[in-house]
């Protein structure tokens, strides 16, 4: 395993990074709220939206939100990491977890797409 030289991030820099992550998290939350609002308004429009498309929109918004939340959670952990080795370990854990999550999301999304494109009899 690679050994990194001792390195301490100054407290002010950690605080700045933590604050920046929180601001980005809040901004993304507002974006997701706006996207959800737009999707809700589209469903209320006089133009009929097929149920399958509604399901796709819901899943896409849900997946995007979950994936970005996971990235923000990682950023919080990285800001608090005590040393580069911990940061590398956190990143590796995140990548493994996120890959599994993305595989499951792709599988579920594929099923939803297939269902949306299958004619109802």
N, C-alpha and C. Protein backbone atom coordinates (compact mmCIF):
# COMPACT_ATOMS: atom_id res chain seq x y z
N UNK A 1 0.84 -1.17 0.00
CA UNK A 1 0.00 0.00 0.00
C UNK A 1 0.89 1.24 0.00
N UNK A 2 0.48 2.24 -0.72
CA UNK A 2 1.25 3.48 -0.81
C UNK A 2 1.17 4.23 0.51
N UNK A 3 2.30 4.71 0.97
CA UNK A 3 2.34 5.51 2.18
C UNK A 3 2.54 6.97 1.78
N UNK A 4 1.67 7.81 2.28
CA UNK A 4 1.74 9.22 1.96
C UNK A 4 2.49 9.95 3.07
N UNK A 5 3.17 11.03 2.74
CA UNK A 5 3.83 11.82 3.79
C UNK A 5 2.78 12.46 4.69
N UNK A 6 3.14 12.73 5.93
CA UNK A 6 2.22 13.38 6.86
C UNK A 6 1.81 14.74 6.29
N UNK A 7 0.53 15.00 6.36
CA UNK A 7 0.01 16.24 5.81
C UNK A 7 -1.25 16.61 6.60
N UNK A 8 -1.31 17.81 7.08
CA UNK A 8 -2.48 18.28 7.83
C UNK A 8 -3.10 19.46 7.09
N UNK A 9 -4.39 19.35 6.82
CA UNK A 9 -5.11 20.44 6.16
C UNK A 9 -5.46 21.47 7.23
N UNK A 10 -5.15 22.72 7.00
CA UNK A 10 -5.47 23.76 7.98
C UNK A 10 -6.98 23.81 8.27
N UNK A 11 -7.33 24.08 9.52
CA UNK A 11 -8.73 24.11 9.95
C UNK A 11 -9.55 25.11 9.14
N UNK A 12 -8.98 26.26 8.82
CA UNK A 12 -9.71 27.26 8.03
C UNK A 12 -10.06 26.72 6.65
N UNK A 13 -9.13 26.00 6.05
CA UNK A 13 -9.38 25.43 4.73
C UNK A 13 -10.45 24.33 4.81
N UNK A 14 -10.39 23.51 5.85
CA UNK A 14 -11.43 22.49 6.05
C UNK A 14 -12.80 23.13 6.19
N UNK A 15 -12.87 24.20 6.98
CA UNK A 15 -14.15 24.88 7.20
C UNK A 15 -14.66 25.48 5.89
N UNK A 16 -13.77 26.08 5.13
CA UNK A 16 -14.16 26.64 3.84
C UNK A 16 -14.68 25.55 2.91
N UNK A 17 -13.99 24.42 2.87
CA UNK A 17 -14.42 23.31 2.02
C UNK A 17 -15.77 22.77 2.47
N UNK A 18 -15.95 22.60 3.77
CA UNK A 18 -17.23 22.10 4.30
C UNK A 18 -18.36 23.06 3.96
N UNK A 19 -18.10 24.34 4.10
CA UNK A 19 -19.10 25.35 3.78
C UNK A 19 -19.44 25.33 2.29
N UNK A 20 -18.45 25.16 1.46
CA UNK A 20 -18.65 25.11 0.01
C UNK A 20 -19.49 23.89 -0.38
N UNK A 21 -19.20 22.77 0.24
CA UNK A 21 -19.98 21.55 -0.03
C UNK A 21 -21.43 21.77 0.36
N UNK A 22 -21.65 22.37 1.52
CA UNK A 22 -23.02 22.61 1.99
C UNK A 22 -23.75 23.57 1.06
N UNK A 23 -23.09 24.61 0.58
CA UNK A 23 -23.71 25.55 -0.36
C UNK A 23 -24.07 24.85 -1.66
N UNK A 24 -23.19 24.00 -2.14
CA UNK A 24 -23.46 23.26 -3.37
C UNK A 24 -24.63 22.30 -3.16
N UNK A 25 -24.67 21.65 -2.00
CA UNK A 25 -25.77 20.73 -1.69
C UNK A 25 -27.10 21.49 -1.71
N UNK A 26 -27.14 22.67 -1.09
CA UNK A 26 -28.36 23.45 -1.06
C UNK A 26 -28.77 23.92 -2.46
N UNK A 27 -27.79 24.31 -3.26
CA UNK A 27 -28.09 24.74 -4.63
C UNK A 27 -28.65 23.57 -5.45
N UNK A 28 -28.06 22.40 -5.29
CA UNK A 28 -28.56 21.24 -6.03
C UNK A 28 -29.97 20.89 -5.57
N UNK A 29 -30.23 21.01 -4.28
CA UNK A 29 -31.57 20.73 -3.76
C UNK A 29 -32.60 21.63 -4.43
N UNK A 30 -32.24 22.89 -4.63
CA UNK A 30 -33.15 23.83 -5.30
C UNK A 30 -33.36 23.44 -6.76
N UNK A 31 -32.31 22.96 -7.40
CA UNK A 31 -32.44 22.52 -8.80
C UNK A 31 -33.38 21.32 -8.87
N UNK A 32 -33.18 20.34 -8.00
CA UNK A 32 -34.04 19.14 -8.00
C UNK A 32 -35.48 19.53 -7.71
N UNK A 33 -35.69 20.46 -6.76
CA UNK A 33 -37.05 20.93 -6.48
C UNK A 33 -37.68 21.56 -7.73
N UNK A 34 -36.90 22.34 -8.46
CA UNK A 34 -37.41 22.98 -9.68
C UNK A 34 -37.72 21.94 -10.75
N UNK A 35 -36.87 20.96 -10.89
CA UNK A 35 -37.11 19.89 -11.87
C UNK A 35 -38.37 19.11 -11.49
N UNK A 36 -38.50 18.80 -10.22
CA UNK A 36 -39.69 18.06 -9.76
C UNK A 36 -40.96 18.89 -9.99
N UNK A 37 -40.87 20.18 -9.71
CA UNK A 37 -42.02 21.07 -9.94
C UNK A 37 -42.39 21.08 -11.43
N UNK A 38 -41.39 21.18 -12.30
CA UNK A 38 -41.66 21.19 -13.74
C UNK A 38 -42.29 19.88 -14.18
N UNK A 39 -41.81 18.77 -13.64
CA UNK A 39 -42.39 17.46 -13.98
C UNK A 39 -43.83 17.38 -13.50
N UNK A 40 -44.09 17.87 -12.30
CA UNK A 40 -45.46 17.86 -11.77
C UNK A 40 -46.37 18.73 -12.62
N UNK A 41 -45.87 19.89 -13.05
CA UNK A 41 -46.68 20.77 -13.90
C UNK A 41 -46.96 20.12 -15.26
N UNK A 42 -45.97 19.43 -15.79
CA UNK A 42 -46.17 18.77 -17.08
C UNK A 42 -47.27 17.71 -16.98
N UNK A 43 -47.31 17.03 -15.84
CA UNK A 43 -48.33 16.00 -15.64
C UNK A 43 -49.73 16.62 -15.55
N UNK A 44 -49.82 17.86 -15.12
CA UNK A 44 -51.11 18.55 -14.98
C UNK A 44 -51.55 19.22 -16.28
N UNK A 45 -50.69 19.21 -17.29
CA UNK A 45 -51.01 19.90 -18.54
C UNK A 45 -52.13 19.16 -19.26
N UNK A 46 -52.82 19.88 -20.15
CA UNK A 46 -53.91 19.25 -20.90
C UNK A 46 -53.41 18.20 -21.90
N UNK A 47 -52.13 18.21 -22.19
CA UNK A 47 -51.56 17.22 -23.11
C UNK A 47 -51.27 15.96 -22.30
N UNK A 48 -51.83 14.87 -22.72
CA UNK A 48 -51.67 13.62 -21.98
C UNK A 48 -50.23 13.10 -22.09
N UNK A 49 -49.67 12.79 -20.94
CA UNK A 49 -48.33 12.21 -20.90
C UNK A 49 -48.51 10.74 -20.55
N UNK A 50 -47.99 9.85 -21.38
CA UNK A 50 -48.15 8.42 -21.09
C UNK A 50 -47.58 8.06 -19.72
N UNK A 51 -48.23 7.13 -19.06
CA UNK A 51 -47.80 6.71 -17.72
C UNK A 51 -46.36 6.25 -17.72
N UNK A 52 -45.92 5.58 -18.77
CA UNK A 52 -44.55 5.10 -18.85
C UNK A 52 -43.55 6.23 -18.83
N UNK A 53 -43.89 7.34 -19.47
CA UNK A 53 -43.00 8.50 -19.49
C UNK A 53 -42.94 9.12 -18.10
N UNK A 54 -44.07 9.15 -17.42
CA UNK A 54 -44.10 9.66 -16.04
C UNK A 54 -43.18 8.81 -15.17
N UNK A 55 -43.25 7.50 -15.33
CA UNK A 55 -42.39 6.60 -14.54
C UNK A 55 -40.92 6.85 -14.85
N UNK A 56 -40.60 7.04 -16.13
CA UNK A 56 -39.21 7.32 -16.51
C UNK A 56 -38.72 8.62 -15.90
N UNK A 57 -39.56 9.65 -15.95
CA UNK A 57 -39.19 10.94 -15.36
C UNK A 57 -38.94 10.80 -13.85
N UNK A 58 -39.85 10.10 -13.19
CA UNK A 58 -39.73 9.92 -11.75
C UNK A 58 -38.45 9.19 -11.40
N UNK A 59 -38.16 8.11 -12.12
CA UNK A 59 -36.94 7.34 -11.86
C UNK A 59 -35.69 8.17 -12.16
N UNK A 60 -35.70 8.88 -13.27
CA UNK A 60 -34.52 9.68 -13.64
C UNK A 60 -34.23 10.74 -12.58
N UNK A 61 -35.27 11.41 -12.10
CA UNK A 61 -35.08 12.43 -11.07
C UNK A 61 -34.60 11.78 -9.78
N UNK A 62 -35.19 10.67 -9.43
CA UNK A 62 -34.80 9.96 -8.20
C UNK A 62 -33.35 9.50 -8.26
N UNK A 63 -32.96 8.92 -9.39
CA UNK A 63 -31.58 8.43 -9.53
C UNK A 63 -30.58 9.58 -9.50
N UNK A 64 -30.89 10.65 -10.21
CA UNK A 64 -29.99 11.81 -10.21
C UNK A 64 -29.82 12.35 -8.80
N UNK A 65 -30.92 12.47 -8.10
CA UNK A 65 -30.88 12.98 -6.74
C UNK A 65 -30.06 12.06 -5.83
N UNK A 66 -30.29 10.77 -5.91
CA UNK A 66 -29.56 9.81 -5.07
C UNK A 66 -28.07 9.82 -5.38
N UNK A 67 -27.72 9.88 -6.66
CA UNK A 67 -26.31 9.84 -7.05
C UNK A 67 -25.57 11.11 -6.62
N UNK A 68 -26.22 12.24 -6.76
CA UNK A 68 -25.58 13.49 -6.34
C UNK A 68 -25.50 13.55 -4.82
N UNK A 69 -26.53 13.05 -4.12
CA UNK A 69 -26.47 13.00 -2.66
C UNK A 69 -25.29 12.14 -2.21
N UNK A 70 -25.08 11.02 -2.88
CA UNK A 70 -23.94 10.16 -2.53
C UNK A 70 -22.62 10.90 -2.76
N UNK A 71 -22.54 11.67 -3.82
CA UNK A 71 -21.32 12.44 -4.10
C UNK A 71 -21.10 13.52 -3.03
N UNK A 72 -22.17 14.18 -2.61
CA UNK A 72 -22.05 15.18 -1.56
C UNK A 72 -21.64 14.53 -0.23
N UNK A 73 -22.22 13.36 0.04
CA UNK A 73 -21.83 12.64 1.26
C UNK A 73 -20.34 12.30 1.23
N UNK A 74 -19.87 11.88 0.06
CA UNK A 74 -18.43 11.61 -0.08
C UNK A 74 -17.63 12.89 0.15
N UNK A 75 -18.07 13.98 -0.41
CA UNK A 75 -17.36 15.25 -0.24
C UNK A 75 -17.27 15.62 1.24
N UNK A 76 -18.37 15.41 1.98
CA UNK A 76 -18.34 15.68 3.42
C UNK A 76 -17.28 14.82 4.11
N UNK A 77 -17.23 13.55 3.74
CA UNK A 77 -16.26 12.63 4.34
C UNK A 77 -14.83 13.02 3.96
N UNK A 78 -14.63 13.42 2.72
CA UNK A 78 -13.29 13.81 2.28
C UNK A 78 -12.80 15.06 3.02
N UNK A 79 -13.72 15.99 3.24
CA UNK A 79 -13.35 17.20 3.98
C UNK A 79 -12.88 16.84 5.38
N UNK A 80 -13.48 15.81 5.96
CA UNK A 80 -13.15 15.41 7.33
C UNK A 80 -12.00 14.39 7.39
N UNK A 81 -11.54 13.91 6.23
CA UNK A 81 -10.48 12.90 6.23
C UNK A 81 -9.24 13.42 6.95
N UNK A 82 -8.65 12.53 7.73
CA UNK A 82 -7.49 12.92 8.54
C UNK A 82 -6.19 12.95 7.76
N UNK A 83 -6.13 12.13 6.70
CA UNK A 83 -4.89 12.06 5.92
C UNK A 83 -5.21 11.58 4.51
N UNK A 84 -4.24 11.66 3.61
CA UNK A 84 -4.47 11.23 2.22
C UNK A 84 -4.86 9.75 2.11
N UNK A 85 -4.32 8.91 2.98
CA UNK A 85 -4.67 7.48 2.91
C UNK A 85 -6.16 7.28 3.20
N UNK A 86 -6.68 7.99 4.17
CA UNK A 86 -8.11 7.89 4.47
C UNK A 86 -8.93 8.40 3.29
N UNK A 87 -8.49 9.49 2.67
CA UNK A 87 -9.19 10.04 1.51
C UNK A 87 -9.22 9.04 0.36
N UNK A 88 -8.10 8.39 0.11
CA UNK A 88 -8.04 7.38 -0.96
C UNK A 88 -8.97 6.21 -0.64
N UNK A 89 -8.97 5.79 0.62
CA UNK A 89 -9.83 4.69 1.05
C UNK A 89 -11.31 5.07 0.89
N UNK A 90 -11.66 6.28 1.28
CA UNK A 90 -13.04 6.74 1.12
C UNK A 90 -13.45 6.78 -0.34
N UNK A 91 -12.54 7.24 -1.19
CA UNK A 91 -12.83 7.31 -2.62
C UNK A 91 -13.03 5.92 -3.21
N UNK A 92 -12.19 4.98 -2.83
CA UNK A 92 -12.31 3.61 -3.33
C UNK A 92 -13.63 2.99 -2.89
N UNK A 93 -13.98 3.20 -1.64
CA UNK A 93 -15.25 2.69 -1.11
C UNK A 93 -16.44 3.29 -1.86
N UNK A 94 -16.35 4.59 -2.11
CA UNK A 94 -17.42 5.29 -2.85
C UNK A 94 -17.56 4.72 -4.26
N UNK A 95 -16.44 4.55 -4.95
CA UNK A 95 -16.50 4.04 -6.31
C UNK A 95 -17.13 2.64 -6.36
N UNK A 96 -16.75 1.80 -5.43
CA UNK A 96 -17.31 0.44 -5.38
C UNK A 96 -18.82 0.50 -5.13
N UNK A 97 -19.21 1.29 -4.16
CA UNK A 97 -20.62 1.42 -3.81
C UNK A 97 -21.42 2.04 -4.95
N UNK A 98 -20.85 3.07 -5.56
CA UNK A 98 -21.56 3.77 -6.63
C UNK A 98 -21.70 2.90 -7.87
N UNK A 99 -20.70 2.12 -8.16
CA UNK A 99 -20.78 1.21 -9.31
C UNK A 99 -21.93 0.22 -9.11
N UNK A 100 -22.03 -0.35 -7.92
CA UNK A 100 -23.13 -1.28 -7.64
C UNK A 100 -24.48 -0.57 -7.76
N UNK A 101 -24.55 0.65 -7.25
CA UNK A 101 -25.78 1.42 -7.32
C UNK A 101 -26.16 1.74 -8.76
N UNK A 102 -25.18 2.15 -9.55
CA UNK A 102 -25.45 2.48 -10.96
C UNK A 102 -25.88 1.25 -11.76
N UNK A 103 -25.31 0.11 -11.45
CA UNK A 103 -25.72 -1.13 -12.13
C UNK A 103 -27.18 -1.44 -11.82
N UNK A 104 -27.56 -1.31 -10.56
CA UNK A 104 -28.95 -1.57 -10.16
C UNK A 104 -29.89 -0.55 -10.79
N UNK A 105 -29.48 0.70 -10.81
CA UNK A 105 -30.31 1.74 -11.43
C UNK A 105 -30.50 1.47 -12.92
N UNK A 106 -29.44 1.08 -13.60
CA UNK A 106 -29.54 0.79 -15.04
C UNK A 106 -30.49 -0.37 -15.29
N UNK A 107 -30.40 -1.38 -14.45
CA UNK A 107 -31.28 -2.54 -14.59
C UNK A 107 -32.75 -2.12 -14.40
N UNK A 108 -33.01 -1.36 -13.33
CA UNK A 108 -34.38 -0.91 -13.07
C UNK A 108 -34.88 0.03 -14.16
N UNK A 109 -34.01 0.92 -14.62
CA UNK A 109 -34.41 1.87 -15.66
C UNK A 109 -34.72 1.13 -16.95
N UNK A 110 -33.91 0.12 -17.27
CA UNK A 110 -34.16 -0.69 -18.46
C UNK A 110 -35.52 -1.38 -18.40
N UNK A 111 -35.85 -1.89 -17.23
CA UNK A 111 -37.16 -2.53 -17.04
C UNK A 111 -38.28 -1.51 -17.24
N UNK A 112 -38.08 -0.31 -16.72
CA UNK A 112 -39.10 0.73 -16.86
C UNK A 112 -39.24 1.16 -18.32
N UNK A 113 -38.13 1.27 -19.02
CA UNK A 113 -38.18 1.63 -20.44
C UNK A 113 -38.92 0.55 -21.23
N UNK A 114 -38.58 -0.68 -20.97
CA UNK A 114 -39.24 -1.80 -21.66
C UNK A 114 -40.75 -1.77 -21.39
N UNK A 115 -41.10 -1.53 -20.15
CA UNK A 115 -42.53 -1.46 -19.79
C UNK A 115 -43.21 -0.29 -20.48
N UNK A 116 -42.53 0.84 -20.56
CA UNK A 116 -43.10 2.03 -21.18
C UNK A 116 -43.30 1.83 -22.69
N UNK A 117 -42.43 1.05 -23.30
CA UNK A 117 -42.51 0.85 -24.75
C UNK A 117 -43.36 -0.33 -25.15
N UNK A 118 -43.76 -1.14 -24.20
CA UNK A 118 -44.61 -2.31 -24.49
C UNK A 118 -46.05 -1.86 -24.60
N UNK A 119 -46.66 -2.13 -25.74
CA UNK A 119 -48.06 -1.71 -25.91
C UNK A 119 -48.98 -2.40 -24.90
N UNK A 120 -49.88 -1.62 -24.33
CA UNK A 120 -50.85 -2.17 -23.38
C UNK A 120 -52.04 -2.70 -24.18
N UNK A 121 -52.42 -3.91 -23.87
CA UNK A 121 -53.53 -4.53 -24.61
C UNK A 121 -54.78 -4.48 -23.83
